[in-house]
Protein backbone atom coordinates (compact mmCIF):
# COMPACT_ATOMS: atom_id res chain seq x y z
CA ALA A 1 16.71 11.46 6.03
CA LEU A 2 16.65 12.23 2.49
CA HIS A 3 19.76 12.19 0.34
CA GLY A 4 19.37 12.42 -3.21
CA PRO A 5 18.38 9.57 -5.57
CA ALA A 6 19.76 6.34 -4.02
CA ASN A 7 18.27 4.05 -6.88
CA VAL A 8 16.89 1.44 -4.43
CA TRP A 9 14.69 -1.08 -5.48
CA VAL A 10 11.83 -3.76 -3.40
CA VAL A 11 12.57 -7.75 -4.06
CA LYS A 12 9.67 -9.27 -2.88
CA PRO A 13 8.37 -13.04 -2.97
CA GLY A 14 5.69 -12.84 -6.12
CA ASN A 15 3.48 -15.25 -3.96
CA SER A 16 3.72 -14.18 -0.15
CA SER A 17 1.97 -11.82 2.46
CA LYS A 18 2.35 -10.02 5.10
CA GLY A 19 5.97 -8.43 4.44
CA SER A 20 7.35 -11.64 4.12
CA GLY A 21 10.77 -11.89 2.14
CA VAL A 22 9.93 -8.35 1.27
CA ALA A 23 13.50 -5.98 1.14
CA CYS A 24 15.25 -2.73 -0.21
CA MET A 25 18.64 -3.04 -2.58
CA GLN A 26 20.57 -1.05 -4.22
CA GLY A 27 23.93 -2.94 -6.07
CA LEU A 28 22.82 -5.31 -9.07
CA PRO A 29 24.75 -7.80 -7.86
CA GLU A 30 22.72 -7.86 -4.48
CA ILE A 31 19.36 -8.13 -6.26
CA LEU A 32 20.61 -10.50 -8.29
CA HIS A 33 21.93 -13.04 -6.14
CA HIS A 34 18.89 -12.64 -4.58
CA CYS A 35 16.82 -13.27 -7.23
CA VAL A 36 18.75 -16.56 -8.18
CA ALA A 37 18.40 -17.92 -4.69
CA GLY A 38 15.02 -17.78 -4.55
CA SER A 39 12.29 -18.80 -7.62
CA ASP A 40 9.72 -16.30 -8.65
CA ARG A 41 11.20 -12.89 -7.25
CA ILE A 42 9.53 -8.98 -8.31
CA VAL A 43 11.58 -6.06 -8.41
CA GLN A 44 9.90 -2.92 -8.41
CA LYS A 45 11.61 0.84 -8.24
CA TYR A 46 11.09 1.63 -4.70
CA ILE A 47 9.76 4.95 -4.39
CA GLU A 48 12.74 7.41 -2.76
CA ARG A 49 10.34 10.56 -2.05
CA PRO A 50 7.38 9.19 -0.07
CA LEU A 51 5.33 11.79 1.58
CA LEU A 52 5.88 11.08 5.49
CA LEU A 53 3.50 11.77 8.27
CA PHE A 54 2.98 11.31 12.20
CA GLY A 55 6.22 12.30 12.55
CA GLY A 56 8.32 11.20 9.52
CA ARG A 57 6.44 8.26 9.25
CA LYS A 58 6.23 6.38 5.57
CA PHE A 59 2.65 4.57 5.16
CA ASP A 60 0.65 3.15 2.48
CA ILE A 61 -3.22 3.45 1.93
CA ARG A 62 -5.27 0.36 1.76
CA LEU A 63 -8.12 0.01 -0.40
CA TRP A 64 -11.00 -2.35 -0.34
CA VAL A 65 -12.40 -2.77 -4.32
CA LEU A 66 -14.78 -5.98 -4.96
CA VAL A 67 -15.09 -7.38 -8.60
CA ARG A 68 -18.59 -8.57 -9.28
CA SER A 69 -17.46 -9.37 -13.27
CA PHE A 70 -14.89 -9.36 -15.43
CA GLU A 71 -16.72 -9.14 -18.66
CA PRO A 72 -18.26 -7.43 -18.58
CA LEU A 73 -16.31 -5.00 -16.10
CA GLU A 74 -18.39 -4.53 -12.22
CA ALA A 75 -16.79 -3.01 -9.60
CA TYR A 76 -16.88 -1.07 -6.47
CA MET A 77 -14.72 0.61 -4.72
CA PHE A 78 -15.19 1.32 -0.71
CA SER A 79 -15.38 4.44 0.03
CA ASP A 80 -13.34 4.20 2.77
CA CYS A 81 -9.84 3.12 3.53
CA TYR A 82 -6.99 2.83 6.18
CA LEU A 83 -3.38 3.98 6.35
CA ARG A 84 -0.12 1.13 7.20
CA LEU A 85 2.09 2.83 9.27
CA CYS A 86 5.88 2.67 9.48
CA SER A 87 6.68 2.37 13.04
CA GLU A 88 10.07 3.68 12.69
CA PRO A 89 10.75 7.27 10.71
CA PHE A 90 11.71 6.99 7.01
CA ASP A 91 15.86 6.89 6.69
CA LEU A 92 17.00 6.28 3.30
CA GLY A 93 20.34 5.69 5.10
CA ASP A 94 19.11 2.69 6.79
CA LEU A 95 17.93 0.12 4.53
CA ALA A 96 18.36 -2.75 7.14
CA ASN A 97 15.84 -1.25 8.96
CA ARG A 98 12.51 -2.66 7.74
CA HIS A 99 10.69 -0.68 10.28
CA ARG A 100 11.32 2.36 8.53
CA HIS A 101 10.37 1.10 4.57
CA ILE A 102 7.83 -1.72 4.74
CA SER A 103 4.55 -0.35 6.08
CA ASN A 104 2.89 -4.28 6.47
CA TRP A 105 1.09 -4.62 9.18
CA ALA A 106 2.89 -7.74 10.19
CA VAL A 107 6.47 -6.31 9.84
CA ASN A 108 5.24 -3.15 12.30
CA LYS A 109 3.30 -4.96 15.06
CA ASP A 110 5.88 -5.95 16.78
CA GLY A 111 8.06 -2.20 16.25
CA ARG A 112 9.55 -0.41 19.35
CA HIS A 113 7.79 2.64 18.37
CA VAL A 114 4.42 1.46 17.11
CA LEU A 115 1.83 3.35 16.83
CA GLU A 116 -1.75 2.12 18.06
CA GLY A 117 -2.04 -0.85 15.60
CA SER A 118 0.58 0.68 13.53
CA VAL A 119 -2.81 2.10 11.68
CA ALA A 120 -4.59 5.72 11.13
CA SER A 121 -7.88 6.56 9.59
CA LEU A 122 -8.86 8.19 6.04
CA ALA A 123 -10.31 11.20 8.91
CA ASP A 124 -6.61 11.34 9.85
CA LEU A 125 -5.06 11.21 6.65
CA GLU A 126 -7.28 14.26 5.38
CA ARG A 127 -6.60 16.33 8.46
CA GLU A 128 -2.45 16.25 7.63
CA LEU A 129 -3.02 16.57 3.74
CA ALA A 130 -5.51 19.73 4.70
CA ARG A 131 -2.05 20.85 7.13
CA CYS A 132 0.23 20.34 3.98
CA VAL A 133 -1.68 21.88 0.91
CA GLY A 134 -3.94 24.16 2.85
CA VAL A 135 -6.74 23.85 1.49
CA GLN A 136 -10.47 21.21 2.73
CA GLY A 137 -10.92 18.41 0.53
CA TYR A 138 -7.70 17.76 -1.47
CA TRP A 139 -8.31 13.85 -1.19
CA ARG A 140 -12.09 13.72 -2.65
CA GLU A 141 -11.25 16.28 -5.13
CA GLU A 142 -7.11 15.57 -6.00
CA ILE A 143 -6.48 12.17 -4.80
CA TRP A 144 -9.35 9.87 -5.50
CA PRO A 145 -10.14 10.58 -8.65
CA LYS A 146 -6.37 8.94 -9.45
CA LEU A 147 -6.97 6.22 -7.98
CA GLU A 148 -10.43 5.54 -9.46
CA GLY A 149 -8.16 5.48 -12.78
CA ILE A 150 -5.95 3.59 -11.50
CA VAL A 151 -8.07 1.21 -9.88
CA LEU A 152 -9.89 0.69 -13.19
CA GLN A 153 -6.83 0.52 -15.68
CA CYS A 154 -5.78 -2.46 -13.39
CA LEU A 155 -8.49 -4.29 -13.65
CA GLU A 156 -9.07 -3.56 -17.36
CA SER A 157 -5.04 -5.32 -18.09
CA VAL A 158 -6.19 -8.59 -16.68
CA ARG A 159 -9.95 -8.58 -17.22
CA HIS A 160 -9.06 -10.83 -20.24
CA SER A 161 -7.14 -13.19 -18.58
CA VAL A 162 -9.04 -14.03 -15.06
CA VAL A 163 -10.97 -17.23 -14.91
CA GLN A 164 -14.67 -16.12 -13.77
CA ARG A 165 -16.95 -18.35 -11.96
CA ALA A 166 -20.50 -17.57 -12.49
CA GLY A 167 -22.33 -16.25 -8.97
CA CYS A 168 -19.11 -15.28 -7.92
CA PHE A 169 -17.19 -12.39 -6.58
CA GLU A 170 -13.31 -11.36 -5.51
CA LEU A 171 -12.73 -8.62 -2.95
CA TYR A 172 -8.95 -7.40 -3.70
CA GLY A 173 -6.98 -5.03 -1.76
CA PHE A 174 -4.82 -2.24 -3.83
CA ASP A 175 -2.08 -0.87 -1.76
CA PHE A 176 -0.88 2.41 -2.40
CA MET A 177 1.55 5.25 -1.75
CA ILE A 178 2.01 9.35 -2.72
CA ASP A 179 4.63 10.56 -3.31
CA ALA A 180 6.12 14.19 -1.58
CA ASP A 181 4.59 15.65 -5.08
CA LEU A 182 1.37 14.22 -3.85
CA ARG A 183 0.84 11.72 -6.74
CA PRO A 184 -0.09 8.32 -5.47
CA TRP A 185 1.38 4.74 -6.91
CA LEU A 186 0.36 1.31 -7.21
CA LEU A 187 2.23 -1.01 -5.02
CA GLU A 188 0.29 -4.17 -5.81
CA ALA A 189 -3.07 -5.37 -5.54
CA ASN A 190 -3.80 -8.43 -3.03
CA LEU A 191 -6.09 -11.13 -3.58
CA SER A 192 -8.07 -11.90 0.11
CA PRO A 193 -7.09 -9.07 1.77
CA ALA A 194 -6.83 -9.37 5.53
CA CYS A 195 -9.60 -8.02 7.26
CA ASP A 196 -8.44 -8.89 10.77
CA PRO A 197 -9.49 -5.67 13.59
CA ARG A 198 -5.89 -4.13 14.48
CA ALA A 199 -7.93 -1.37 16.13
CA PRO A 200 -11.59 -0.46 17.40
CA TRP A 201 -12.68 1.52 14.64
CA LEU A 202 -10.99 -0.71 12.13
CA ALA A 203 -13.63 -3.08 13.48
CA GLU A 204 -16.80 -0.87 12.65
CA LEU A 205 -14.62 -0.02 9.13
CA SER A 206 -14.23 -3.28 8.10
CA GLY A 207 -17.60 -4.17 9.50
CA ARG A 208 -19.12 -1.40 7.43
CA MET A 209 -16.85 -2.58 4.02
CA ALA A 210 -19.23 -6.67 4.35
CA SER A 211 -22.12 -5.11 5.06
């Protein structure tokens, strides 16, 4: 349920993965206490009006990006991607329920209402977007170019600070969210993103990405 601006923030460890330690908070005292209790905390503004699909569920988009070189910058975005779904409907009034707000697979794989693997395909998203906006091709024409621009800006911002090894490459997992106004937002960029098969079609997808 949406109840207007709630001033929600996401607090998470800066060096963990799989949704470990991620929490949604509202009050400044609670946030400060959480940050003092543990070192290396990141505080991000929560997107309070996310695009909700698949029965009112929140989701994010995992996009793989391979970087062969930072100087000069040479990077490739895999043309396909997949969605990670919350296993319970979104509700700003229930911040303590991580299954409503944190879309990491490790968080939702044991949820009460988990969908198949808590993942959905790009084709599923394209169909939902066509239903929402009333036109085909919205993903490729409107959203994909914005994702490309965000990835490029992100890589450009660190290209002079990344230590590069000759003959090596790095695979990143960029996580995006789309808000209710269909605007994409970068949540984070992950080193060594998980590529384990959570559904048969996702195994095929990760195989194509790696080939």
